[in-house]
Protein backbone atom coordinates (compact mmCIF):
# COMPACT_ATOMS: atom_id res chain seq x y z
CA MET A 1 0.90 -39.72 -34.55
CA PHE A 2 2.19 -43.29 -34.94
CA PRO A 3 2.53 -43.22 -39.11
CA VAL A 4 5.03 -40.76 -38.13
CA VAL A 5 6.59 -42.94 -35.65
CA LYS A 6 6.66 -45.67 -38.16
CA ARG A 7 7.85 -43.72 -40.94
CA PHE A 8 10.83 -42.42 -38.84
CA VAL A 9 11.61 -45.88 -37.90
CA SER A 10 11.69 -46.70 -41.78
CA ARG A 11 13.60 -43.86 -42.69
CA SER A 12 16.42 -45.07 -40.34
CA PHE A 13 16.55 -48.41 -41.15
CA TYR A 14 16.34 -48.29 -44.67
CA GLY A 15 17.76 -44.74 -45.65
CA ALA A 16 21.55 -45.94 -45.50
CA THR A 17 23.84 -43.86 -43.23
CA ASN A 18 22.42 -40.68 -43.82
CA VAL A 19 19.64 -40.42 -40.92
CA SER A 20 19.94 -36.83 -39.72
CA GLN A 21 18.29 -35.36 -42.89
CA ALA A 22 15.23 -37.18 -43.40
CA ALA A 23 14.54 -38.81 -39.79
CA ARG A 24 15.29 -35.49 -38.20
CA LYS A 25 12.57 -34.08 -40.05
CA ASP A 26 10.07 -36.59 -38.65
CA LEU A 27 11.59 -36.19 -35.02
CA ILE A 28 10.58 -32.50 -35.17
CA LEU A 29 7.16 -33.28 -36.31
CA LEU A 30 6.63 -35.48 -33.61
CA LYS A 31 7.71 -32.95 -31.11
CA HIS A 32 4.97 -30.74 -32.60
CA LEU A 33 2.30 -33.42 -32.34
CA ASN A 34 3.07 -34.05 -28.75
CA HIS A 35 2.14 -30.29 -27.85
CA SER A 36 -0.45 -30.14 -30.27
CA PRO A 37 -4.39 -29.47 -28.61
CA VAL A 38 -4.91 -33.38 -30.10
CA LYS A 39 -5.47 -35.54 -26.60
CA LEU A 40 -2.49 -38.05 -26.46
CA ASN A 41 -1.30 -40.24 -24.07
CA ALA A 42 1.48 -38.45 -22.18
CA ALA A 43 3.67 -41.35 -21.06
CA PRO A 44 4.17 -43.54 -24.36
CA THR A 45 4.36 -40.07 -26.48
CA GLY A 46 6.91 -38.89 -24.14
CA LEU A 47 9.11 -42.20 -24.17
CA LEU A 48 8.89 -42.51 -27.79
CA LEU A 49 10.21 -39.41 -28.65
CA SER A 50 12.85 -40.10 -25.76
CA GLY A 51 13.94 -42.67 -27.83
CA CYS A 52 14.11 -41.07 -31.02
CA SER A 53 15.85 -37.87 -29.61
CA THR A 54 18.75 -40.33 -28.04
CA PHE A 55 19.06 -42.08 -30.79
CA LEU A 56 19.57 -39.28 -33.04
CA GLY A 57 22.01 -37.83 -30.41
CA VAL A 58 24.14 -41.15 -30.17
CA TYR A 59 24.05 -41.35 -33.72
CA ASP A 60 25.54 -37.73 -34.42
CA VAL A 61 28.52 -38.61 -31.86
CA ILE A 62 29.37 -41.79 -33.10
CA SER A 63 29.03 -41.01 -36.96
CA THR A 64 31.83 -38.55 -36.46
CA HIS A 65 34.30 -41.03 -35.44
CA ILE A 66 33.29 -44.30 -36.76
CA ARG A 67 31.81 -45.12 -40.25
CA LEU A 68 28.38 -46.81 -39.30
CA THR A 69 26.71 -49.55 -41.92
CA PRO A 70 23.29 -49.23 -42.69
CA LEU A 71 22.45 -52.67 -40.52
CA THR A 72 24.32 -51.29 -37.31
CA THR A 73 22.48 -48.19 -37.79
CA ARG A 74 18.99 -49.91 -38.18
CA PHE A 75 20.01 -51.79 -34.92
CA ALA A 76 20.95 -48.94 -32.83
CA LEU A 77 17.73 -47.59 -33.38
CA LEU A 78 15.81 -50.54 -32.27
CA ALA A 79 17.71 -50.72 -29.20
CA CYS A 80 16.93 -47.08 -28.31
CA VAL A 81 13.24 -46.88 -28.73
CA LEU A 82 12.77 -50.47 -27.15
CA ALA A 83 15.04 -49.03 -24.22
CA ALA A 84 12.93 -46.13 -23.95
CA SER A 85 9.30 -47.39 -23.86
CA PRO A 86 9.32 -51.02 -21.97
CA ALA A 87 5.73 -50.18 -20.47
CA TYR A 88 4.36 -49.65 -23.67
CA SER A 89 2.39 -52.08 -25.60
CA ALA A 90 2.47 -52.17 -29.45
CA THR A 91 -0.53 -54.22 -29.77
CA GLN A 92 -3.14 -51.80 -27.86
CA GLY A 93 -1.41 -48.80 -27.31
CA LEU A 94 -2.04 -48.38 -23.84
CA PRO A 95 0.14 -48.49 -20.84
CA VAL A 96 -0.11 -52.10 -19.42
CA GLN A 97 1.35 -51.15 -15.82
CA SER A 98 0.02 -49.25 -13.21
CA PRO A 99 2.40 -47.19 -10.60
CA SER A 100 1.22 -49.82 -8.01
CA GLN A 101 2.57 -52.48 -9.88
CA GLY A 102 6.13 -50.81 -10.21
CA GLY A 103 6.05 -49.76 -13.62
CA VAL A 104 6.63 -46.49 -14.97
CA PRO A 105 3.82 -43.46 -13.55
CA ASN A 106 1.51 -42.45 -16.22
CA PHE A 107 2.08 -38.66 -15.32
CA THR A 108 -0.15 -36.25 -16.53
CA SER A 109 0.62 -32.54 -17.38
CA PRO A 110 -1.62 -30.18 -15.18
CA ALA A 111 -4.13 -28.39 -17.60
CA PRO A 112 -2.59 -24.91 -18.60
CA PHE A 113 -3.87 -21.98 -16.51
CA GLU A 114 -5.22 -20.10 -19.55
CA GLU A 115 -6.14 -16.78 -17.80
CA SER A 116 -2.38 -16.64 -17.40
CA SER A 117 -1.23 -17.27 -20.73
CA TYR A 118 0.11 -14.09 -22.89
CA THR A 119 -2.31 -13.00 -25.10
CA LEU A 120 -1.42 -10.80 -28.90
CA GLY A 121 -2.06 -7.45 -28.85
CA ALA A 122 -1.17 -4.44 -31.07
CA GLY A 123 3.08 -3.58 -30.72
CA ASP A 124 3.97 -7.56 -30.34
CA ARG A 125 6.83 -8.81 -32.60
CA ILE A 126 6.42 -11.87 -33.52
CA GLN A 127 8.13 -14.90 -35.82
CA ILE A 128 6.24 -17.32 -37.64
CA ASP A 129 7.83 -20.33 -39.14
CA ILE A 130 6.15 -22.95 -41.28
CA PHE A 131 8.18 -26.36 -41.27
CA ASP A 132 9.56 -27.01 -45.00
CA VAL A 133 8.59 -23.54 -46.35
CA PRO A 134 11.64 -21.45 -45.59
CA GLU A 135 9.83 -18.90 -48.24
CA TYR A 136 7.32 -17.86 -45.88
CA SER A 137 10.32 -18.44 -42.41
CA GLY A 138 13.04 -16.90 -40.64
CA GLU A 139 13.45 -13.48 -41.82
CA ASN A 140 10.77 -13.48 -44.08
CA GLY A 141 8.40 -14.72 -41.03
CA LYS A 142 8.84 -11.45 -38.66
CA ARG A 143 5.69 -9.74 -38.02
CA GLN A 144 4.24 -6.95 -36.18
CA VAL A 145 0.80 -6.90 -34.63
CA LEU A 146 -0.44 -3.85 -35.60
CA VAL A 147 -3.04 -1.33 -33.79
CA ASP A 148 -5.90 -3.27 -35.20
CA GLY A 149 -4.82 -6.66 -33.70
CA THR A 150 -4.03 -8.00 -37.19
CA ILE A 151 -1.03 -9.31 -39.20
CA ASN A 152 -0.55 -9.97 -42.99
CA LEU A 153 0.77 -13.03 -44.30
CA PRO A 154 1.31 -14.18 -47.55
CA LEU A 155 -1.74 -16.73 -49.21
CA LEU A 156 -3.57 -15.62 -46.14
CA GLY A 157 -4.07 -11.68 -45.90
CA THR A 158 -5.15 -9.96 -42.87
CA VAL A 159 -5.34 -12.41 -39.81
CA SER A 160 -6.91 -11.43 -36.45
CA VAL A 161 -4.65 -12.56 -33.58
CA ARG A 162 -5.78 -9.90 -30.97
CA GLY A 163 -6.73 -11.84 -27.81
CA MET A 164 -5.04 -15.14 -28.97
CA SER A 165 -2.24 -17.07 -27.29
CA ILE A 166 0.78 -18.19 -28.71
CA LYS A 167 -0.74 -21.71 -28.74
CA GLN A 168 -3.81 -20.32 -30.26
CA THR A 169 -2.29 -18.47 -33.00
CA GLU A 170 -0.14 -21.45 -34.13
CA THR A 171 -3.55 -23.76 -34.41
CA GLU A 172 -5.13 -20.90 -36.34
CA LEU A 173 -2.76 -20.39 -38.72
CA SER A 174 -2.12 -24.32 -39.45
CA LYS A 175 -5.85 -24.61 -40.12
CA ARG A 176 -5.79 -21.75 -42.37
CA TYR A 177 -2.53 -22.95 -44.28
CA ALA A 178 -4.09 -26.37 -44.41
CA ARG A 179 -5.48 -24.91 -47.59
CA PHE A 180 -2.36 -24.46 -49.60
CA PHE A 181 0.05 -26.90 -47.85
CA LYS A 182 -0.47 -30.72 -46.73
CA ARG A 183 -0.37 -31.04 -42.92
CA PRO A 184 1.45 -27.70 -42.21
CA PHE A 185 3.35 -27.09 -39.26
CA VAL A 186 3.65 -23.67 -37.99
CA THR A 187 5.48 -22.20 -35.24
CA VAL A 188 4.81 -18.85 -33.57
CA SER A 189 7.47 -17.26 -31.14
CA LEU A 190 7.30 -13.87 -29.17
CA LEU A 191 10.09 -11.69 -30.46
CA ALA A 192 9.60 -8.69 -28.64
CA PRO A 193 6.38 -8.43 -26.01
CA ARG A 194 4.34 -4.86 -26.12
CA PRO A 195 4.54 -2.58 -23.24
CA LEU A 196 1.14 -3.27 -21.03
CA THR A 197 -1.65 -0.35 -20.73
CA ILE A 198 -3.24 -1.03 -17.31
CA GLY A 199 -6.05 0.67 -15.89
CA VAL A 200 -5.80 1.44 -11.70
CA LEU A 201 -8.96 2.93 -10.08
CA GLY A 202 -10.22 2.97 -6.38
CA GLU A 203 -8.38 3.48 -3.34
CA VAL A 204 -4.79 4.49 -4.87
CA SER A 205 -3.07 7.85 -4.80
CA ARG A 206 -3.37 8.85 -8.23
CA PRO A 207 -6.06 6.74 -9.87
CA GLY A 208 -5.84 6.32 -14.03
CA THR A 209 -4.47 4.66 -17.21
CA TYR A 210 -0.74 3.62 -16.92
CA THR A 211 1.78 2.09 -19.77
CA LEU A 212 3.97 -0.46 -17.83
CA PRO A 213 7.47 -1.12 -19.44
CA LEU A 214 8.54 -4.70 -19.52
CA ALA A 215 12.22 -5.45 -17.90
CA SER A 216 14.99 -7.43 -19.56
CA GLN A 217 16.26 -9.60 -16.56
CA ASP A 218 19.09 -12.29 -17.29
CA GLY A 219 18.37 -12.91 -20.93
CA GLY A 220 14.70 -12.86 -20.63
CA THR A 221 11.73 -10.76 -20.13
CA GLN A 222 9.85 -9.64 -16.79
CA PHE A 223 6.51 -8.78 -16.68
CA PRO A 224 4.99 -6.23 -14.48
CA THR A 225 3.17 -7.52 -11.46
CA LEU A 226 0.22 -6.26 -9.43
CA THR A 227 2.08 -4.56 -6.70
CA LYS A 228 4.44 -2.76 -9.27
CA ALA A 229 1.11 -0.98 -10.98
CA LEU A 230 0.08 -0.12 -7.58
CA GLN A 231 3.40 1.74 -7.03
CA THR A 232 3.24 3.64 -10.31
CA ALA A 233 -0.15 4.55 -9.12
CA GLY A 234 1.04 6.40 -6.18
CA GLY A 235 0.55 3.22 -3.87
CA ILE A 236 -3.08 2.51 -1.88
CA THR A 237 -4.69 4.86 0.56
CA GLN A 238 -5.18 3.90 4.35
CA ALA A 239 -8.99 3.30 2.89
CA ALA A 240 -7.94 0.38 1.13
CA ASP A 241 -9.19 -3.03 1.44
CA VAL A 242 -6.22 -5.06 0.52
CA ARG A 243 -7.96 -8.43 1.21
CA GLN A 244 -10.28 -7.93 -2.04
CA VAL A 245 -8.01 -6.15 -4.79
CA GLN A 246 -9.84 -7.11 -8.39
CA ILE A 247 -8.16 -7.48 -11.61
CA ARG A 248 -10.61 -7.39 -14.44
CA ARG A 249 -8.95 -9.08 -17.28
CA PRO A 250 -10.80 -8.85 -20.84
CA GLN A 251 -10.87 -12.06 -23.08
CA ARG A 252 -11.17 -12.53 -26.60
CA ILE A 253 -14.61 -13.94 -26.55
CA GLY A 254 -17.00 -13.54 -23.57
CA SER A 255 -17.22 -11.47 -20.46
CA PRO A 256 -14.18 -10.35 -18.90
CA GLN A 257 -12.61 -12.63 -16.25
CA ILE A 258 -12.45 -11.40 -12.63
CA ILE A 259 -9.51 -12.41 -10.52
CA THR A 260 -9.85 -11.34 -6.73
CA VAL A 261 -6.35 -10.86 -5.09
CA ASP A 262 -5.59 -11.41 -1.17
CA LEU A 263 -2.71 -8.88 -0.93
CA TRP A 264 -2.63 -9.19 2.95
CA SER A 265 -1.96 -12.91 2.40
CA TYR A 266 1.05 -11.29 0.33
CA VAL A 267 2.01 -9.20 3.06
CA GLN A 268 1.64 -11.48 6.07
CA ASN A 269 2.68 -15.18 4.69
CA GLY A 270 5.08 -13.76 1.60
CA SER A 271 2.47 -15.72 -0.91
CA LEU A 272 3.97 -14.54 -4.55
CA GLN A 273 1.12 -16.17 -6.09
CA GLN A 274 -0.98 -13.08 -4.74
CA ASP A 275 1.37 -10.43 -6.67
CA VAL A 276 -0.39 -11.46 -9.74
CA THR A 277 1.24 -10.77 -13.30
CA LEU A 278 -0.44 -8.25 -15.31
CA ARG A 279 -1.69 -8.89 -18.83
CA ASP A 280 -2.15 -6.10 -21.21
CA GLY A 281 -5.71 -4.44 -20.59
CA ASP A 282 -6.18 -5.36 -17.22
CA SER A 283 -7.99 -3.29 -14.97
CA ILE A 284 -7.41 -2.95 -11.14
CA ALA A 285 -9.88 -2.35 -8.67
CA VAL A 286 -9.00 -1.35 -5.24
CA VAL A 287 -12.23 -1.13 -2.94
CA ALA A 288 -12.46 0.73 0.24
CA ALA A 289 -12.81 -1.22 3.57
CA ALA A 290 -16.09 -1.82 5.29
CA THR A 291 -14.61 -1.44 8.57
CA PRO A 292 -10.86 -0.01 8.79
CA ASN A 293 -8.58 -1.44 11.22
CA PRO A 294 -5.86 0.89 12.65
CA ALA A 295 -3.37 -1.79 13.26
CA GLU A 296 -3.17 -3.19 9.76
CA SER A 297 -2.86 0.49 8.54
CA LEU A 298 0.63 0.73 10.17
CA GLN A 299 1.85 -2.43 8.65
CA LEU A 300 0.53 -1.64 5.13
CA ALA A 301 2.47 1.40 5.49
CA ASP A 302 5.70 -0.10 5.08
CA THR A 303 5.06 -1.92 2.26
CA THR A 304 6.27 -1.60 -1.24
CA PHE A 305 2.99 -1.19 -2.68
CA ALA A 306 2.00 1.75 0.09
CA GLY A 307 1.36 5.50 -0.68
CA GLU A 308 4.94 8.18 -0.31
CA LYS A 309 5.11 8.43 3.09
CA GLY A 310 6.63 11.62 3.30
CA ARG A 311 3.83 13.20 1.12
CA PRO A 312 1.75 16.14 3.06
CA VAL A 313 -1.85 15.56 3.66
CA ASN A 314 -4.37 18.23 4.14
CA VAL A 315 -6.71 17.40 6.98
CA ALA A 316 -9.62 19.47 9.09
CA ILE A 317 -9.48 19.22 12.88
CA VAL A 318 -12.36 20.62 15.07
CA GLY A 319 -13.35 20.12 18.57
CA GLU A 320 -11.19 20.56 21.73
CA VAL A 321 -8.19 21.92 20.35
CA PHE A 322 -6.94 25.45 20.58
CA ARG A 323 -6.76 26.26 17.28
CA PRO A 324 -9.12 24.02 15.11
CA GLY A 325 -9.17 24.53 11.27
CA SER A 326 -7.88 22.98 7.91
CA TYR A 327 -3.89 22.14 8.19
CA GLN A 328 -1.28 20.45 6.02
CA VAL A 329 0.27 17.36 8.20
CA THR A 330 3.82 16.04 6.70
CA GLY A 331 5.65 13.51 8.18
CA THR A 332 7.62 15.58 10.63
CA ASN A 333 7.36 15.96 14.06
CA PRO A 334 6.07 19.20 15.26
CA ARG A 335 6.19 20.42 18.50
CA THR A 336 3.46 22.49 20.12
CA GLY A 337 4.93 25.04 22.49
CA ALA A 338 2.45 27.88 24.39
CA ALA A 339 -1.35 26.77 24.16
CA GLY A 340 -2.73 28.08 20.91
CA ALA A 341 0.34 28.30 19.04
CA PRO A 342 0.77 26.21 15.94
CA GLY A 343 3.34 23.50 16.14
CA SER A 344 6.51 24.25 14.91
CA THR A 345 9.15 21.46 13.29
CA PRO A 346 12.25 21.08 14.74
CA ASN A 347 15.40 21.06 12.68
CA THR A 348 15.55 17.39 11.81
CA THR A 349 16.84 15.62 8.27
CA ASN A 350 15.62 12.12 8.98
CA THR A 351 11.69 12.56 8.88
CA VAL A 352 11.15 11.92 5.31
CA ASP A 353 9.96 8.23 5.46
CA LYS A 354 7.56 9.36 8.56
CA PRO A 355 3.81 9.16 7.49
CA PRO A 356 1.67 12.06 8.79
CA THR A 357 -0.38 11.03 11.98
CA ILE A 358 -3.42 12.14 14.32
CA THR A 359 -1.31 13.19 16.98
CA GLN A 360 0.90 15.29 14.71
CA ALA A 361 -2.15 16.91 13.69
CA ILE A 362 -3.03 17.95 17.15
CA GLN A 363 -0.10 19.60 17.68
CA ILE A 364 -0.19 21.69 14.82
CA ALA A 365 -3.77 22.67 15.78
CA GLY A 366 -2.02 23.97 18.91
CA GLY A 367 -2.72 21.15 21.21
CA ILE A 368 -5.58 19.60 23.14
CA LYS A 369 -7.67 21.76 25.48
CA PRO A 370 -8.01 20.42 29.16
CA LEU A 371 -11.08 19.22 28.61
CA ALA A 372 -11.03 17.07 25.56
CA ASP A 373 -12.19 13.74 25.62
CA ILE A 374 -9.35 11.71 24.06
CA ARG A 375 -11.05 8.62 24.29
CA ARG A 376 -13.73 8.93 21.53
CA ILE A 377 -11.89 10.78 18.70
CA GLN A 378 -13.22 9.99 15.44
CA ILE A 379 -11.82 10.29 11.90
CA ARG A 380 -14.19 10.75 9.17
CA ARG A 381 -12.68 9.69 5.96
CA PRO A 382 -14.06 10.00 2.35
CA THR A 383 -13.41 7.46 -0.04
CA ARG A 384 -13.22 7.15 -3.99
CA SER A 385 -16.69 5.75 -3.95
CA GLY A 386 -18.21 8.80 -2.37
CA ALA A 387 -19.09 6.93 0.81
CA GLU A 388 -17.43 7.80 4.15
CA GLN A 389 -15.61 5.49 6.90
CA THR A 390 -15.79 6.48 10.46
CA ILE A 391 -12.82 5.35 12.48
CA ASP A 392 -12.84 5.43 16.36
CA ILE A 393 -9.41 6.67 18.35
CA ASN A 394 -8.75 6.03 21.97
CA LEU A 395 -5.48 8.29 22.53
CA LEU A 396 -5.67 7.37 26.43
CA GLN A 397 -4.70 3.98 25.27
CA LEU A 398 -1.78 5.37 23.90
CA VAL A 399 -0.94 7.58 26.97
CA GLN A 400 -1.48 5.12 29.46
CA THR A 401 -0.55 1.64 27.52
CA GLY A 402 1.53 3.01 24.42
CA ASP A 403 -0.79 1.46 22.10
CA LEU A 404 0.86 2.77 19.04
CA LYS A 405 -1.98 1.51 16.50
CA GLN A 406 -4.34 4.44 18.05
CA ASP A 407 -1.98 7.00 16.50
CA ILE A 408 -3.40 6.14 12.95
CA ILE A 409 -1.92 7.30 9.86
CA LEU A 410 -3.94 10.18 8.35
CA GLN A 411 -4.59 10.71 4.69
CA SER A 412 -6.24 13.69 2.46
CA GLY A 413 -9.36 14.75 3.05
CA ASP A 414 -9.94 13.18 6.75
CA THR A 415 -11.57 15.17 9.46
CA ILE A 416 -10.90 14.73 12.76
CA THR A 417 -13.22 15.33 15.61
CA ILE A 418 -12.54 15.64 19.30
CA PRO A 419 -15.48 16.07 21.56
CA THR A 420 -15.51 17.36 25.06
CA ALA A 421 -15.14 15.16 28.12
CA THR A 422 -17.92 15.10 30.88
CA ASN A 423 -16.20 12.79 33.10
CA LEU A 424 -12.71 13.09 33.64
CA THR A 425 -10.77 11.99 36.54
CA PRO A 426 -7.74 14.10 37.98
CA ALA A 427 -5.31 11.50 37.65
CA GLU A 428 -6.47 11.19 33.99
CA ALA A 429 -6.20 15.33 33.30
CA ALA A 430 -2.48 14.86 34.46
CA GLN A 431 -1.65 12.16 32.00
CA ILE A 432 -3.23 13.83 29.31
CA ALA A 433 -1.43 17.21 30.08
CA SER A 434 1.48 15.37 29.99
CA ALA A 435 1.18 13.90 26.81
CA SER A 436 3.13 15.12 23.75
CA PHE A 437 0.01 16.41 21.78
CA SER A 438 -0.77 18.79 24.65
CA PRO A 439 0.82 22.28 25.07
CA ASP A 440 4.05 22.94 26.61
CA THR A 441 2.49 25.63 28.53
CA ILE A 442 -0.85 27.80 29.14
CA ARG A 443 -1.08 31.75 29.88
CA VAL A 444 -2.61 32.83 33.27
CA ASN A 445 -2.87 36.28 34.28
CA VAL A 446 -2.56 36.50 37.85
CA VAL A 447 -3.49 40.16 38.95
CA GLY A 448 -3.77 42.39 42.36
CA GLU A 449 -1.86 41.91 45.31
CA VAL A 450 0.91 39.64 44.21
CA ARG A 451 4.50 40.38 44.17
CA GLN A 452 4.89 39.87 40.34
CA PRO A 453 1.47 40.39 38.75
CA GLY A 454 1.27 39.68 34.91
CA VAL A 455 1.11 36.77 33.08
CA VAL A 456 2.70 33.63 34.29
CA GLN A 457 3.44 30.45 31.95
CA VAL A 458 2.60 27.33 33.38
CA PRO A 459 2.31 23.86 32.24
CA PRO A 460 -1.36 22.27 31.38
CA ASN A 461 -3.25 21.13 34.21
CA THR A 462 -1.37 23.17 36.55
CA PRO A 463 -3.33 23.92 40.11
CA MET A 464 -4.23 27.17 41.21
CA ASN A 465 -2.08 27.28 43.97
CA GLN A 466 1.21 26.76 41.57
CA ALA A 467 -0.07 29.48 39.37
CA LEU A 468 -0.08 31.95 42.62
CA LEU A 469 3.50 30.74 43.44
CA ALA A 470 4.41 31.41 39.81
CA ALA A 471 3.57 35.20 40.17
CA GLY A 472 5.69 35.21 43.48
CA GLY A 473 3.19 34.53 45.84
CA PHE A 474 0.94 36.99 48.02
CA ASP A 475 2.03 40.49 48.88
CA ASN A 476 1.97 39.68 52.78
CA ARG A 477 1.47 43.24 54.10
CA ARG A 478 -1.55 43.75 51.15
CA ALA A 479 -3.01 40.66 49.97
CA ARG A 480 -6.27 38.93 51.68
CA LYS A 481 -4.90 35.54 51.72
CA SER A 482 -7.77 33.56 52.26
CA ARG A 483 -9.94 33.93 49.32
CA VAL A 484 -9.00 35.05 45.63
CA GLU A 485 -11.32 35.49 42.52
CA LEU A 486 -11.23 32.99 39.43
CA ILE A 487 -12.81 34.82 36.13
CA ARG A 488 -12.78 32.21 33.21
CA LEU A 489 -13.81 32.49 29.63
CA ASN A 490 -15.73 29.73 28.20
CA PRO A 491 -15.88 28.77 24.67
CA ASP A 492 -19.22 29.80 24.16
CA GLY A 493 -18.57 33.34 25.16
CA THR A 494 -19.88 33.25 28.83
CA VAL A 495 -18.00 34.21 31.55
CA VAL A 496 -17.56 32.60 35.06
CA ARG A 497 -16.56 34.33 38.28
CA ARG A 498 -16.06 32.25 41.04
CA ASP A 499 -14.54 33.13 44.84
CA ILE A 500 -12.17 30.43 46.03
CA ALA A 501 -10.92 29.81 49.52
CA VAL A 502 -7.13 29.19 49.07
CA ASP A 503 -5.77 26.18 51.13
CA PHE A 504 -1.95 25.59 50.12
CA ALA A 505 -2.40 22.33 51.95
CA GLN A 506 -5.06 20.97 49.27
CA GLY A 507 -4.33 18.91 46.24
CA ILE A 508 -5.63 19.49 42.70
CA ASN A 509 -9.59 19.54 43.26
CA ASP A 510 -12.30 21.77 41.59
CA GLN A 511 -13.27 23.10 44.77
CA THR A 512 -10.13 25.00 46.63
CA ASN A 513 -7.80 24.45 43.87
CA PRO A 514 -9.06 23.97 40.47
CA ALA A 515 -6.71 23.14 37.67
CA MET A 516 -6.14 26.22 35.45
CA ARG A 517 -6.97 26.46 31.63
CA ASN A 518 -5.76 29.06 29.39
CA ASN A 519 -6.18 32.51 29.51
CA ASP A 520 -7.86 32.20 33.58
CA ILE A 521 -7.52 35.44 35.54
CA ILE A 522 -6.88 34.99 39.06
CA VAL A 523 -7.52 38.14 41.02
CA VAL A 524 -5.78 38.85 44.52
CA ASN A 525 -7.92 41.39 46.56
CA ARG A 526 -6.61 43.40 49.40
CA SER A 527 -6.61 42.61 52.93
CA GLY A 528 -9.73 44.14 55.13
CA LEU A 529 -6.64 46.69 56.95
CA THR A 530 -5.26 47.34 53.49
CA SER A 531 -8.32 48.61 52.35
CA VAL A 532 -9.22 50.74 55.11
CA THR A 533 -5.77 52.56 54.84
CA ASP A 534 -5.71 52.76 50.67
CA THR A 535 -9.38 54.51 51.70
CA LEU A 536 -7.72 57.04 54.29
CA GLY A 537 -5.03 57.64 51.99
CA THR A 538 -7.09 58.48 48.93
CA ILE A 539 -9.47 61.20 51.50
CA LEU A 540 -6.51 62.74 53.07
CA SER A 541 -4.07 63.11 50.19
CA PRO A 542 -5.71 66.18 49.00
CA LEU A 543 -5.52 68.06 52.18
CA PHE A 544 -1.86 67.07 52.63
CA SER A 545 -1.40 68.53 48.89
CA VAL A 546 -2.98 72.02 49.79
CA SER A 547 -0.77 72.31 52.65
CA SER A 548 2.00 71.41 50.86
CA PHE A 549 1.25 74.21 48.60
CA LEU A 550 0.79 76.91 51.03
CA ARG A 551 4.13 76.45 52.74
CA ILE A 552 6.16 76.99 49.41
CA PHE A 553 4.63 80.52 49.88
CA GLY A 554 5.16 80.96 53.78
CA VAL A 555 1.69 80.34 54.70
CA PRO A 556 1.81 78.51 58.00
């Protein structure tokens, strides 16, 4: 490098007043050497370049107003170079003062992040310039990388540049042109980058291969990032592990580079370093989480790279619901009316951005039954790898404390299992009956000696006494008020018949005032006196009928 500096100074001292023709070429060559792969001391190199550039700038301004003599030009250049490099020793070529001694610090540029360097590929348009060789530069130097990753150049023929960075391409072409030119200075510029072809697999809504265009912004080019690719693939699923997103980046030589990204840090701390800029050929793998976290799923649902909230999902629900089966659940807010009736969607318009949740699925399935154990609800969720996640849900915490993370967001393929409760207190039963995922009403058939016999609709968990009152209460002249019969059809097809003493002063309890279930039958029998009179009336009614017939013909 230093012979070039010497020639630069020599030309400036002895080249009369026209410095900007010969010396300027050496300055450009100095800048090229400063960025070449050869290891140079950054401090003296930068300072010498600063002195040379300062001289040329000052020379261009002054020479337009004052005619400079050769002697004036030479002393001006010497002053600029000496002023710009006070800490440089011409005898040793090393800095003589350290930062601790008050001199100029010897800052070293950080090593380039090689995996982040742009690599050339098919479709790139580049500009190749060879210093002082205009016939191979400018318009003659524009090339497009062919589909096989090569370019055709004069004198060299076909050259493969696939997978090379801009700097690597410059070095390679300089080596090849060295057979034809003495110390060739080759520069390569990217005119138009190619669209990126990216593969996305794993826990995303639409895995596959995507072509991502490059966006133009403020005169520059914006490369797509990891989150943009996830958006294009429909967003992540609820089973995704965003802490271990992997990017597989092919290398020109050797095995692919694996980059692990923590998107949870990006969501929580706004760490933009985790939103990695993609390169052509990258493959993104979103693995499934080993232990799903319902609290995190609610936060991830609001991110830009989550799945579409309004998209319907197909789920299956079994167990203690009135209408088990397969359903399509949307982000709307269905409401269950009568027990066993499918949930209906209200006439609202602001429901597009709401994701489907487990409580909405239960409402669509007709609501939970009174004996549902909502503490131990399970969701079985298949993953893209074929494995299955198991998520435990406690909706009683949602009812009692308002824990919204229990109302987990669903995804297609989920199977919801609601077991039967073995120990349910009356207080808990009342809370569950008033929850939004319970039906509004159940049907109870009250027959016998009541004022309004028939089917009555009462809220879930209604005690027997209230069901009797809903039917108008006892017929005071005919009903046996002390006891009634309760007939209940069990889910397994068996029938239970119980004789229950009636006491309107009792609260809800299973012995004297049990809670009603859907399709229960209450039978109110006749009192003893009513049974006797009805029997006599039945026996005597034929006699009264014959006597009435004879009287028509005048027979006494």
